């Protein structure tokens, strides 16, 4: 069994993180906390255990020592939109083609 002070401190951090998430993302509903499997076992939590009202613990492949708030929203929408935009690059000068067996470029000597 993990130290009760350590569990209490983690529960406090979980509550703070969920509150911050809900404040910054009012259209998303937090439903869980993701912990690395090592931390899940180290702290003595069970998969699916409800630690705060409506918030359950879930094991994930995260980094030990960190946790994340799980919610029903998409936080990567902006990044996905940016990846879909095509960027066209135009060169202002041409470079000579260098063959693997060719002598070095005159400026590289």
PDB file of N, CA and C in Angstrom:
ATOM      1  N   UNK A   1       0.845  -1.181   0.000  1.00  0.00           N
ATOM      2  CA  UNK A   1       0.000   0.000   0.000  1.00  0.00           C
ATOM      3  C   UNK A   1       0.890   1.244   0.000  1.00  0.00           C
ATOM      4  N   UNK A   2       0.542   2.195  -0.853  1.00  0.00           N
ATOM      5  CA  UNK A   2       1.319   3.427  -0.957  1.00  0.00           C
ATOM      6  C   UNK A   2       1.063   4.322   0.254  1.00  0.00           C
ATOM      7  N   UNK A   3       1.981   5.200   0.510  1.00  0.00           N
ATOM      8  CA  UNK A   3       1.882   6.153   1.601  1.00  0.00           C
ATOM      9  C   UNK A   3       0.633   7.021   1.413  1.00  0.00           C
ATOM     10  N   UNK A   4      -0.179   7.177   2.443  1.00  0.00           N
ATOM     11  CA  UNK A   4      -1.425   7.935   2.322  1.00  0.00           C
ATOM     12  C   UNK A   4      -1.175   9.412   2.014  1.00  0.00           C
ATOM     13  N   UNK A   5      -0.074   9.973   2.496  1.00  0.00           N
ATOM     14  CA  UNK A   5       0.249  11.369   2.189  1.00  0.00           C
ATOM     15  C   UNK A   5       0.544  11.526   0.696  1.00  0.00           C
ATOM     16  N   UNK A   6       1.216  10.529   0.110  1.00  0.00           N
ATOM     17  CA  UNK A   6       1.528  10.564  -1.315  1.00  0.00           C
ATOM     18  C   UNK A   6       0.245  10.458  -2.147  1.00  0.00           C
ATOM     19  N   UNK A   7      -0.667   9.592  -1.726  1.00  0.00           N
ATOM     20  CA  UNK A   7      -1.939   9.433  -2.431  1.00  0.00           C
ATOM     21  C   UNK A   7      -2.762  10.715  -2.308  1.00  0.00           C
ATOM     22  N   UNK A   8      -2.793  11.306  -1.111  1.00  0.00           N
ATOM     23  CA  UNK A   8      -3.544  12.547  -0.898  1.00  0.00           C
ATOM     24  C   UNK A   8      -3.007  13.676  -1.772  1.00  0.00           C
ATOM     25  N   UNK A   9      -1.686  13.766  -1.877  1.00  0.00           N
ATOM     26  CA  UNK A   9      -1.080  14.809  -2.703  1.00  0.00           C
ATOM     27  C   UNK A   9      -1.444  14.600  -4.173  1.00  0.00           C
ATOM     28  N   UNK A  10      -1.421  13.342  -4.632  1.00  0.00           N
ATOM     29  CA  UNK A  10      -1.790  13.057  -6.019  1.00  0.00           C
ATOM     30  C   UNK A  10      -3.264  13.346  -6.273  1.00  0.00           C
ATOM     31  N   UNK A  11      -4.134  13.006  -5.339  1.00  0.00           N
ATOM     32  CA  UNK A  11      -5.555  13.307  -5.503  1.00  0.00           C
ATOM     33  C   UNK A  11      -5.793  14.815  -5.595  1.00  0.00           C
ATOM     34  N   UNK A  12      -5.035  15.574  -4.812  1.00  0.00           N
ATOM     35  CA  UNK A  12      -5.141  17.029  -4.871  1.00  0.00           C
ATOM     36  C   UNK A  12      -4.710  17.537  -6.249  1.00  0.00           C
ATOM     37  N   UNK A  13      -3.608  16.989  -6.782  1.00  0.00           N
ATOM     38  CA  UNK A  13      -3.133  17.386  -8.112  1.00  0.00           C
ATOM     39  C   UNK A  13      -4.129  16.981  -9.195  1.00  0.00           C
ATOM     40  N   UNK A  14      -4.731  15.803  -9.050  1.00  0.00           N
ATOM     41  CA  UNK A  14      -5.745  15.363 -10.011  1.00  0.00           C
ATOM     42  C   UNK A  14      -6.911  16.342 -10.034  1.00  0.00           C
ATOM     43  N   UNK A  15      -7.386  16.734  -8.848  1.00  0.00           N
ATOM     44  CA  UNK A  15      -8.517  17.662  -8.751  1.00  0.00           C
ATOM     45  C   UNK A  15      -8.162  19.015  -9.360  1.00  0.00           C
ATOM     46  N   UNK A  16      -6.943  19.495  -9.117  1.00  0.00           N
ATOM     47  CA  UNK A  16      -6.505  20.767  -9.689  1.00  0.00           C
ATOM     48  C   UNK A  16      -6.434  20.687 -11.208  1.00  0.00           C
ATOM     49  N   UNK A  17      -5.919  19.581 -11.728  1.00  0.00           N
ATOM     50  CA  UNK A  17      -5.793  19.415 -13.176  1.00  0.00           C
ATOM     51  C   UNK A  17      -7.159  19.333 -13.847  1.00  0.00           C
ATOM     52  N   UNK A  18      -8.080  18.597 -13.251  1.00  0.00           N
ATOM     53  CA  UNK A  18      -9.430  18.490 -13.816  1.00  0.00           C
ATOM     54  C   UNK A  18     -10.116  19.854 -13.787  1.00  0.00           C
ATOM     55  N   UNK A  19      -9.970  20.588 -12.693  1.00  0.00           N
ATOM     56  CA  UNK A  19     -10.573  21.923 -12.596  1.00  0.00           C
ATOM     57  C   UNK A  19      -9.982  22.864 -13.648  1.00  0.00           C
ATOM     58  N   UNK A  20      -8.671  22.839 -13.826  1.00  0.00           N
ATOM     59  CA  UNK A  20      -8.025  23.685 -14.838  1.00  0.00           C
ATOM     60  C   UNK A  20      -8.484  23.284 -16.243  1.00  0.00           C
ATOM     61  N   UNK A  21      -8.573  21.988 -16.499  1.00  0.00           N
ATOM     62  CA  UNK A  21      -9.033  21.513 -17.804  1.00  0.00           C
ATOM     63  C   UNK A  21     -10.453  21.999 -18.080  1.00  0.00           C
ATOM     64  N   UNK A  22     -11.339  21.832 -17.108  1.00  0.00           N
ATOM     65  CA  UNK A  22     -12.732  22.228 -17.301  1.00  0.00           C
ATOM     66  C   UNK A  22     -12.876  23.741 -17.457  1.00  0.00           C
ATOM     67  N   UNK A  23     -12.026  24.493 -16.788  1.00  0.00           N
ATOM     68  CA  UNK A  23     -12.067  25.945 -16.898  1.00  0.00           C
ATOM     69  C   UNK A  23     -11.590  26.397 -18.280  1.00  0.00           C
ATOM     70  N   UNK A  24     -10.533  25.773 -18.792  1.00  0.00           N
ATOM     71  CA  UNK A  24      -9.954  26.178 -20.074  1.00  0.00           C
ATOM     72  C   UNK A  24     -10.676  25.569 -21.270  1.00  0.00           C
ATOM     73  N   UNK A  25     -11.406  24.487 -21.068  1.00  0.00           N
ATOM     74  CA  UNK A  25     -12.112  23.799 -22.154  1.00  0.00           C
ATOM     75  C   UNK A  25     -13.559  23.546 -21.741  1.00  0.00           C
ATOM     76  N   UNK A  26     -14.386  24.583 -21.716  1.00  0.00           N
ATOM     77  CA  UNK A  26     -15.755  24.405 -21.224  1.00  0.00           C
ATOM     78  C   UNK A  26     -16.605  23.484 -22.093  1.00  0.00           C
ATOM     79  N   UNK A  27     -16.222  23.268 -23.351  1.00  0.00           N
ATOM     80  CA  UNK A  27     -17.018  22.397 -24.225  1.00  0.00           C
ATOM     81  C   UNK A  27     -16.633  20.924 -24.099  1.00  0.00           C
ATOM     82  N   UNK A  28     -15.578  20.601 -23.339  1.00  0.00           N
ATOM     83  CA  UNK A  28     -15.140  19.219 -23.141  1.00  0.00           C
ATOM     84  C   UNK A  28     -15.456  18.771 -21.727  1.00  0.00           C
ATOM     85  N   UNK A  29     -15.776  17.506 -21.595  1.00  0.00           N
ATOM     86  CA  UNK A  29     -16.062  16.954 -20.271  1.00  0.00           C
ATOM     87  C   UNK A  29     -14.961  15.968 -19.885  1.00  0.00           C
ATOM     88  N   UNK A  30     -14.282  16.249 -18.778  1.00  0.00           N
ATOM     89  CA  UNK A  30     -13.241  15.334 -18.276  1.00  0.00           C
ATOM     90  C   UNK A  30     -13.915  14.123 -17.641  1.00  0.00           C
ATOM     91  N   UNK A  31     -13.370  12.939 -17.918  1.00  0.00           N
ATOM     92  CA  UNK A  31     -13.954  11.716 -17.362  1.00  0.00           C
ATOM     93  C   UNK A  31     -12.917  10.806 -16.705  1.00  0.00           C
ATOM     94  N   UNK A  32     -11.622  11.136 -16.839  1.00  0.00           N
ATOM     95  CA  UNK A  32     -10.632  10.245 -16.242  1.00  0.00           C
ATOM     96  C   UNK A  32      -9.256  10.860 -16.125  1.00  0.00           C
ATOM     97  N   UNK A  33      -8.392  10.110 -15.465  1.00  0.00           N
ATOM     98  CA  UNK A  33      -6.975  10.448 -15.314  1.00  0.00           C
ATOM     99  C   UNK A  33      -6.174   9.295 -15.901  1.00  0.00           C
ATOM    100  N   UNK A  34      -5.253   9.611 -16.802  1.00  0.00           N
ATOM    101  CA  UNK A  34      -4.385   8.600 -17.388  1.00  0.00           C
ATOM    102  C   UNK A  34      -3.055   8.563 -16.657  1.00  0.00           C
ATOM    103  N   UNK A  35      -2.680   7.394 -16.173  1.00  0.00           N
ATOM    104  CA  UNK A  35      -1.408   7.195 -15.463  1.00  0.00           C
ATOM    105  C   UNK A  35      -0.612   6.104 -16.160  1.00  0.00           C
ATOM    106  N   UNK A  36       0.694   6.181 -16.087  1.00  0.00           N
ATOM    107  CA  UNK A  36       1.539   5.090 -16.560  1.00  0.00           C
ATOM    108  C   UNK A  36       1.237   3.855 -15.702  1.00  0.00           C
ATOM    109  N   UNK A  37       1.323   2.684 -16.297  1.00  0.00           N
ATOM    110  CA  UNK A  37       1.009   1.451 -15.565  1.00  0.00           C
ATOM    111  C   UNK A  37       1.874   1.298 -14.313  1.00  0.00           C
ATOM    112  N   UNK A  38       3.138   1.720 -14.409  1.00  0.00           N
ATOM    113  CA  UNK A  38       4.030   1.650 -13.250  1.00  0.00           C
ATOM    114  C   UNK A  38       3.481   2.494 -12.095  1.00  0.00           C
ATOM    115  N   UNK A  39       3.039   3.736 -12.402  1.00  0.00           N
ATOM    116  CA  UNK A  39       2.498   4.619 -11.365  1.00  0.00           C
ATOM    117  C   UNK A  39       1.173   4.093 -10.825  1.00  0.00           C
ATOM    118  N   UNK A  40       0.394   3.488 -11.689  1.00  0.00           N
ATOM    119  CA  UNK A  40      -0.881   2.901 -11.266  1.00  0.00           C
ATOM    120  C   UNK A  40      -0.646   1.867 -10.164  1.00  0.00           C
ATOM    121  N   UNK A  41       0.332   1.003 -10.390  1.00  0.00           N
ATOM    122  CA  UNK A  41       0.656  -0.031  -9.399  1.00  0.00           C
ATOM    123  C   UNK A  41       1.365   0.553  -8.183  1.00  0.00           C
ATOM    124  N   UNK A  42       2.283   1.473  -8.398  1.00  0.00           N
ATOM    125  CA  UNK A  42       3.059   2.063  -7.312  1.00  0.00           C
ATOM    126  C   UNK A  42       2.173   2.794  -6.319  1.00  0.00           C
ATOM    127  N   UNK A  43       1.144   3.494  -6.834  1.00  0.00           N
ATOM    128  CA  UNK A  43       0.258   4.253  -5.956  1.00  0.00           C
ATOM    129  C   UNK A  43      -0.885   3.413  -5.399  1.00  0.00           C
ATOM    130  N   UNK A  44      -1.051   2.199  -5.906  1.00  0.00           N
ATOM    131  CA  UNK A  44      -2.072   1.311  -5.390  1.00  0.00           C
ATOM    132  C   UNK A  44      -3.460   1.541  -5.956  1.00  0.00           C
ATOM    133  N   UNK A  45      -3.555   2.218  -7.123  1.00  0.00           N
ATOM    134  CA  UNK A  45      -4.855   2.428  -7.753  1.00  0.00           C
ATOM    135  C   UNK A  45      -5.217   1.215  -8.600  1.00  0.00           C
ATOM    136  N   UNK A  46      -6.518   1.000  -8.775  1.00  0.00           N
ATOM    137  CA  UNK A  46      -7.018  -0.052  -9.654  1.00  0.00           C
ATOM    138  C   UNK A  46      -7.549   0.590 -10.928  1.00  0.00           C
ATOM    139  N   UNK A  47      -7.385  -0.111 -12.037  1.00  0.00           N
ATOM    140  CA  UNK A  47      -7.921   0.358 -13.325  1.00  0.00           C
ATOM    141  C   UNK A  47      -9.426   0.563 -13.184  1.00  0.00           C
ATOM    142  N   UNK A  48      -9.915   1.755 -13.559  1.00  0.00           N
ATOM    143  CA  UNK A  48     -11.344   2.055 -13.494  1.00  0.00           C
ATOM    144  C   UNK A  48     -11.832   2.537 -12.140  1.00  0.00           C
ATOM    145  N   UNK A  49     -10.924   2.630 -11.169  1.00  0.00           N
ATOM    146  CA  UNK A  49     -11.312   3.086  -9.829  1.00  0.00           C
ATOM    147  C   UNK A  49     -11.710   4.564  -9.880  1.00  0.00           C
ATOM    148  N   UNK A  50     -12.823   4.910  -9.255  1.00  0.00           N
ATOM    149  CA  UNK A  50     -13.273   6.297  -9.215  1.00  0.00           C
ATOM    150  C   UNK A  50     -12.569   7.000  -8.058  1.00  0.00           C
ATOM    151  N   UNK A  51     -11.741   7.996  -8.399  1.00  0.00           N
ATOM    152  CA  UNK A  51     -10.954   8.691  -7.383  1.00  0.00           C
ATOM    153  C   UNK A  51     -11.544  10.052  -7.030  1.00  0.00           C
ATOM    154  N   UNK A  52     -12.266  10.639  -7.951  1.00  0.00           N
ATOM    155  CA  UNK A  52     -12.995  11.888  -7.733  1.00  0.00           C
ATOM    156  C   UNK A  52     -14.381  11.673  -8.331  1.00  0.00           C
ATOM    157  N   UNK A  53     -15.369  12.435  -7.950  1.00  0.00           N
ATOM    158  CA  UNK A  53     -16.707  12.228  -8.509  1.00  0.00           C
ATOM    159  C   UNK A  53     -16.701  12.314 -10.046  1.00  0.00           C
ATOM    160  N   UNK A  54     -17.025  11.206 -10.698  1.00  0.00           N
ATOM    161  CA  UNK A  54     -17.066  11.148 -12.157  1.00  0.00           C
ATOM    162  C   UNK A  54     -15.721  10.981 -12.832  1.00  0.00           C
ATOM    163  N   UNK A  55     -14.648  10.893 -12.074  1.00  0.00           N
ATOM    164  CA  UNK A  55     -13.294  10.777 -12.623  1.00  0.00           C
ATOM    165  C   UNK A  55     -12.719   9.422 -12.225  1.00  0.00           C
ATOM    166  N   UNK A  56     -12.350   8.620 -13.233  1.00  0.00           N
ATOM    167  CA  UNK A  56     -11.791   7.293 -12.969  1.00  0.00           C
ATOM    168  C   UNK A  56     -10.336   7.235 -13.414  1.00  0.00           C
ATOM    169  N   UNK A  57      -9.604   6.293 -12.851  1.00  0.00           N
ATOM    170  CA  UNK A  57      -8.187   6.097 -13.162  1.00  0.00           C
ATOM    171  C   UNK A  57      -8.060   5.081 -14.301  1.00  0.00           C
ATOM    172  N   UNK A  58      -7.177   5.394 -15.253  1.00  0.00           N
ATOM    173  CA  UNK A  58      -6.940   4.496 -16.386  1.00  0.00           C
ATOM    174  C   UNK A  58      -5.445   4.416 -16.666  1.00  0.00           C
ATOM    175  N   UNK A  59      -4.973   3.221 -16.941  1.00  0.00           N
ATOM    176  CA  UNK A  59      -3.579   3.035 -17.304  1.00  0.00           C
ATOM    177  C   UNK A  59      -3.378   3.407 -18.761  1.00  0.00           C
ATOM    178  N   UNK A  60      -2.286   4.070 -19.059  1.00  0.00           N
ATOM    179  CA  UNK A  60      -1.947   4.386 -20.445  1.00  0.00           C
ATOM    180  C   UNK A  60      -0.442   4.251 -20.634  1.00  0.00           C
ATOM    181  N   UNK A  61       0.017   4.555 -21.793  1.00  0.00           N
ATOM    182  CA  UNK A  61       1.444   4.386 -22.099  1.00  0.00           C
ATOM    183  C   UNK A  61       2.219   5.674 -21.854  1.00  0.00           C
ATOM    184  N   UNK A  62       1.751   6.495 -20.938  1.00  0.00           N
ATOM    185  CA  UNK A  62       2.426   7.756 -20.634  1.00  0.00           C
ATOM    186  C   UNK A  62       3.729   7.547 -19.892  1.00  0.00           C
ATOM    187  N   UNK A  63       4.410   8.650 -19.668  1.00  0.00           N
ATOM    188  CA  UNK A  63       5.694   8.648 -18.972  1.00  0.00           C
ATOM    189  C   UNK A  63       5.446   8.544 -17.473  1.00  0.00           C
ATOM    190  N   UNK A  64       6.235   7.730 -16.795  1.00  0.00           N
ATOM    191  CA  UNK A  64       6.084   7.588 -15.349  1.00  0.00           C
ATOM    192  C   UNK A  64       6.346   8.929 -14.671  1.00  0.00           C
ATOM    193  N   UNK A  65       5.589   9.213 -13.637  1.00  0.00           N
ATOM    194  CA  UNK A  65       5.722  10.478 -12.928  1.00  0.00           C
ATOM    195  C   UNK A  65       4.801  11.558 -13.470  1.00  0.00           C
ATOM    196  N   UNK A  66       4.140  11.308 -14.584  1.00  0.00           N
ATOM    197  CA  UNK A  66       3.219  12.263 -15.190  1.00  0.00           C
ATOM    198  C   UNK A  66       1.832  11.644 -15.293  1.00  0.00           C
ATOM    199  N   UNK A  67       0.836  12.482 -15.383  1.00  0.00           N
ATOM    200  CA  UNK A  67      -0.516  12.001 -15.638  1.00  0.00           C
ATOM    201  C   UNK A  67      -1.167  12.959 -16.615  1.00  0.00           C
ATOM    202  N   UNK A  68      -2.284  12.537 -17.186  1.00  0.00           N
ATOM    203  CA  UNK A  68      -3.002  13.421 -18.093  1.00  0.00           C
ATOM    204  C   UNK A  68      -4.490  13.315 -17.828  1.00  0.00           C
ATOM    205  N   UNK A  69      -5.195  14.398 -18.130  1.00  0.00           N
ATOM    206  CA  UNK A  69      -6.641  14.434 -17.964  1.00  0.00           C
ATOM    207  C   UNK A  69      -7.255  13.866 -19.240  1.00  0.00           C
ATOM    208  N   UNK A  70      -8.118  12.881 -19.086  1.00  0.00           N
ATOM    209  CA  UNK A  70      -8.803  12.271 -20.217  1.00  0.00           C
ATOM    210  C   UNK A  70     -10.165  12.943 -20.366  1.00  0.00           C
ATOM    211  N   UNK A  71     -10.532  13.291 -21.604  1.00  0.00           N
ATOM    212  CA  UNK A  71     -11.805  13.966 -21.818  1.00  0.00           C
ATOM    213  C   UNK A  71     -12.415  13.524 -23.142  1.00  0.00           C
ATOM    214  N   UNK A  72     -13.619  14.019 -23.419  1.00  0.00           N
ATOM    215  CA  UNK A  72     -14.339  13.636 -24.625  1.00  0.00           C
ATOM    216  C   UNK A  72     -14.089  14.593 -25.790  1.00  0.00           C
ATOM    217  N   UNK A  73     -13.152  15.520 -25.657  1.00  0.00           N
ATOM    218  CA  UNK A  73     -12.887  16.508 -26.706  1.00  0.00           C
ATOM    219  C   UNK A  73     -11.624  16.213 -27.486  1.00  0.00           C
ATOM    220  N   UNK A  74     -11.471  16.918 -28.595  1.00  0.00           N
ATOM    221  CA  UNK A  74     -10.277  16.834 -29.425  1.00  0.00           C
ATOM    222  C   UNK A  74      -9.410  18.057 -29.146  1.00  0.00           C
ATOM    223  N   UNK A  75      -8.273  17.851 -28.512  1.00  0.00           N
ATOM    224  CA  UNK A  75      -7.371  18.967 -28.217  1.00  0.00           C
ATOM    225  C   UNK A  75      -6.400  19.231 -29.356  1.00  0.00           C
ATOM    226  N   UNK A  76      -6.297  18.318 -30.312  1.00  0.00           N
ATOM    227  CA  UNK A  76      -5.347  18.474 -31.412  1.00  0.00           C
ATOM    228  C   UNK A  76      -6.020  18.951 -32.685  1.00  0.00           C
ATOM    229  N   UNK A  77      -7.198  19.565 -32.604  1.00  0.00           N
ATOM    230  CA  UNK A  77      -7.913  20.014 -33.794  1.00  0.00           C
ATOM    231  C   UNK A  77      -7.102  21.015 -34.593  1.00  0.00           C
ATOM    232  N   UNK A  78      -6.490  21.997 -33.923  1.00  0.00           N
ATOM    233  CA  UNK A  78      -5.713  23.017 -34.604  1.00  0.00           C
ATOM    234  C   UNK A  78      -4.505  22.407 -35.300  1.00  0.00           C
ATOM    235  N   UNK A  79      -3.844  21.481 -34.651  1.00  0.00           N
ATOM    236  CA  UNK A  79      -2.680  20.836 -35.239  1.00  0.00           C
ATOM    237  C   UNK A  79      -3.083  20.015 -36.457  1.00  0.00           C
ATOM    238  N   UNK A  80      -4.196  19.298 -36.383  1.00  0.00           N
ATOM    239  CA  UNK A  80      -4.666  18.501 -37.518  1.00  0.00           C
ATOM    240  C   UNK A  80      -5.024  19.397 -38.693  1.00  0.00           C
ATOM    241  N   UNK A  81      -5.627  20.541 -38.423  1.00  0.00           N
ATOM    242  CA  UNK A  81      -5.973  21.482 -39.484  1.00  0.00           C
ATOM    243  C   UNK A  81      -4.713  22.024 -40.136  1.00  0.00           C
ATOM    244  N   UNK A  82      -3.713  22.352 -39.349  1.00  0.00           N
ATOM    245  CA  UNK A  82      -2.461  22.881 -39.894  1.00  0.00           C
ATOM    246  C   UNK A  82      -1.757  21.840 -40.756  1.00  0.00           C
ATOM    247  N   UNK A  83      -1.831  20.563 -40.384  1.00  0.00           N
ATOM    248  CA  UNK A  83      -1.186  19.514 -41.162  1.00  0.00           C
ATOM    249  C   UNK A  83      -1.880  19.310 -42.500  1.00  0.00           C
ATOM    250  N   UNK A  84      -3.177  19.607 -42.578  1.00  0.00           N
ATOM    251  CA  UNK A  84      -3.915  19.413 -43.807  1.00  0.00           C
ATOM    252  C   UNK A  84      -3.619  20.498 -44.832  1.00  0.00           C
ATOM    253  N   UNK A  85      -3.172  21.660 -44.387  1.00  0.00           N
ATOM    254  CA  UNK A  85      -2.865  22.744 -45.299  1.00  0.00           C
ATOM    255  C   UNK A  85      -1.590  22.412 -46.072  1.00  0.00           C
ATOM    256  N   UNK A  86      -1.668  22.592 -47.374  1.00  0.00           N
ATOM    257  CA  UNK A  86      -0.506  22.315 -48.220  1.00  0.00           C
ATOM    258  C   UNK A  86       0.348  23.571 -48.328  1.00  0.00           C
ATOM    259  N   UNK A  87       1.646  23.390 -48.277  1.00  0.00           N
ATOM    260  CA  UNK A  87       2.579  24.499 -48.404  1.00  0.00           C
ATOM    261  C   UNK A  87       3.358  24.299 -49.690  1.00  0.00           C
ATOM    262  N   UNK A  88       3.419  25.355 -50.497  1.00  0.00           N
ATOM    263  CA  UNK A  88       4.126  25.275 -51.766  1.00  0.00           C
ATOM    264  C   UNK A  88       5.414  26.081 -51.645  1.00  0.00           C
ATOM    265  N   UNK A  89       6.537  25.439 -51.889  1.00  0.00           N
ATOM    266  CA  UNK A  89       7.832  26.108 -51.798  1.00  0.00           C
ATOM    267  C   UNK A  89       8.332  26.441 -53.194  1.00  0.00           C
ATOM    268  N   UNK A  90       8.834  27.654 -53.362  1.00  0.00           N
ATOM    269  CA  UNK A  90       9.355  28.094 -54.656  1.00  0.00           C
ATOM    270  C   UNK A  90      10.800  28.504 -54.443  1.00  0.00           C
ATOM    271  N   UNK A  91      11.661  27.944 -55.277  1.00  0.00           N
ATOM    272  CA  UNK A  91      13.081  28.246 -55.172  1.00  0.00           C
ATOM    273  C   UNK A  91      13.410  29.464 -56.019  1.00  0.00           C
ATOM    274  N   UNK A  92      14.338  30.286 -55.517  1.00  0.00           N
ATOM    275  CA  UNK A  92      14.762  31.464 -56.277  1.00  0.00           C
ATOM    276  C   UNK A  92      16.056  31.210 -57.035  1.00  0.00           C
ATOM    277  N   UNK A  93      16.684  30.080 -56.769  1.00  0.00           N
ATOM    278  CA  UNK A  93      17.909  29.743 -57.499  1.00  0.00           C
ATOM    279  C   UNK A  93      17.989  28.228 -57.629  1.00  0.00           C
ATOM    280  N   UNK A  94      18.746  27.790 -58.610  1.00  0.00           N
ATOM    281  CA  UNK A  94      18.896  26.345 -58.800  1.00  0.00           C
ATOM    282  C   UNK A  94      20.273  25.917 -58.299  1.00  0.00           C
ATOM    283  N   UNK A  95      20.342  24.722 -57.814  1.00  0.00           N
ATOM    284  CA  UNK A  95      21.597  24.163 -57.320  1.00  0.00           C
ATOM    285  C   UNK A  95      22.041  23.049 -58.253  1.00  0.00           C
ATOM    286  N   UNK A  96      23.348  22.879 -58.422  1.00  0.00           N
ATOM    287  CA  UNK A  96      23.818  21.798 -59.298  1.00  0.00           C
ATOM    288  C   UNK A  96      23.537  20.436 -58.666  1.00  0.00           C
ATOM    289  N   UNK A  97      23.273  19.489 -59.536  1.00  0.00           N
ATOM    290  CA  UNK A  97      23.037  18.128 -59.075  1.00  0.00           C
ATOM    291  C   UNK A  97      24.375  17.492 -58.724  1.00  0.00           C
ATOM    292  N   UNK A  98      24.455  16.863 -57.565  1.00  0.00           N
ATOM    293  CA  UNK A  98      25.695  16.237 -57.111  1.00  0.00           C
ATOM    294  C   UNK A  98      25.499  14.736 -57.140  1.00  0.00           C
ATOM    295  N   UNK A  99      26.376  14.072 -57.875  1.00  0.00           N
ATOM    296  CA  UNK A  99      26.347  12.615 -57.966  1.00  0.00           C
ATOM    297  C   UNK A  99      27.217  12.037 -56.856  1.00  0.00           C
ATOM    298  N   UNK A 100      26.880  10.864 -56.337  1.00  0.00           N
ATOM    299  CA  UNK A 100      27.676  10.266 -55.267  1.00  0.00           C
ATOM    300  C   UNK A 100      29.136  10.040 -55.641  1.00  0.00           C
ATOM    301  N   UNK A 101      29.428   9.708 -56.894  1.00  0.00           N
ATOM    302  CA  UNK A 101      30.797   9.425 -57.316  1.00  0.00           C
ATOM    303  C   UNK A 101      31.485  10.637 -57.931  1.00  0.00           C
ATOM    304  N   UNK A 102      30.853  11.785 -57.931  1.00  0.00           N
ATOM    305  CA  UNK A 102      31.439  12.957 -58.564  1.00  0.00           C
ATOM    306  C   UNK A 102      32.450  13.610 -57.622  1.00  0.00           C
ATOM    307  N   UNK A 103      33.409  14.359 -58.187  1.00  0.00           N
ATOM    308  CA  UNK A 103      34.378  15.065 -57.337  1.00  0.00           C
ATOM    309  C   UNK A 103      33.647  16.126 -56.499  1.00  0.00           C
ATOM    310  N   UNK A 104      34.262  16.558 -55.421  1.00  0.00           N
ATOM    311  CA  UNK A 104      33.602  17.535 -54.558  1.00  0.00           C
ATOM    312  C   UNK A 104      33.352  18.848 -55.297  1.00  0.00           C
ATOM    313  N   UNK A 105      32.375  19.573 -54.845  1.00  0.00           N
ATOM    314  CA  UNK A 105      32.028  20.855 -55.414  1.00  0.00           C
ATOM    315  C   UNK A 105      33.211  21.788 -55.243  1.00  0.00           C
ATOM    316  N   UNK A 106      33.478  22.682 -56.205  1.00  0.00           N
ATOM    317  CA  UNK A 106      34.653  23.561 -56.094  1.00  0.00           C
ATOM    318  C   UNK A 106      34.671  24.426 -54.842  1.00  0.00           C
ATOM    319  N   UNK A 107      33.519  24.741 -54.281  1.00  0.00           N
ATOM    320  CA  UNK A 107      33.488  25.579 -53.086  1.00  0.00           C
ATOM    321  C   UNK A 107      33.714  24.797 -51.801  1.00  0.00           C
ATOM    322  N   UNK A 108      33.698  23.471 -51.866  1.00  0.00           N
ATOM    323  CA  UNK A 108      33.842  22.625 -50.672  1.00  0.00           C
ATOM    324  C   UNK A 108      35.276  22.237 -50.392  1.00  0.00           C
ATOM    325  N   UNK A 109      36.219  22.698 -51.166  1.00  0.00           N
ATOM    326  CA  UNK A 109      37.613  22.295 -50.981  1.00  0.00           C
ATOM    327  C   UNK A 109      38.291  23.108 -49.931  1.00  0.00           C
TER     328      UNK A 109
END
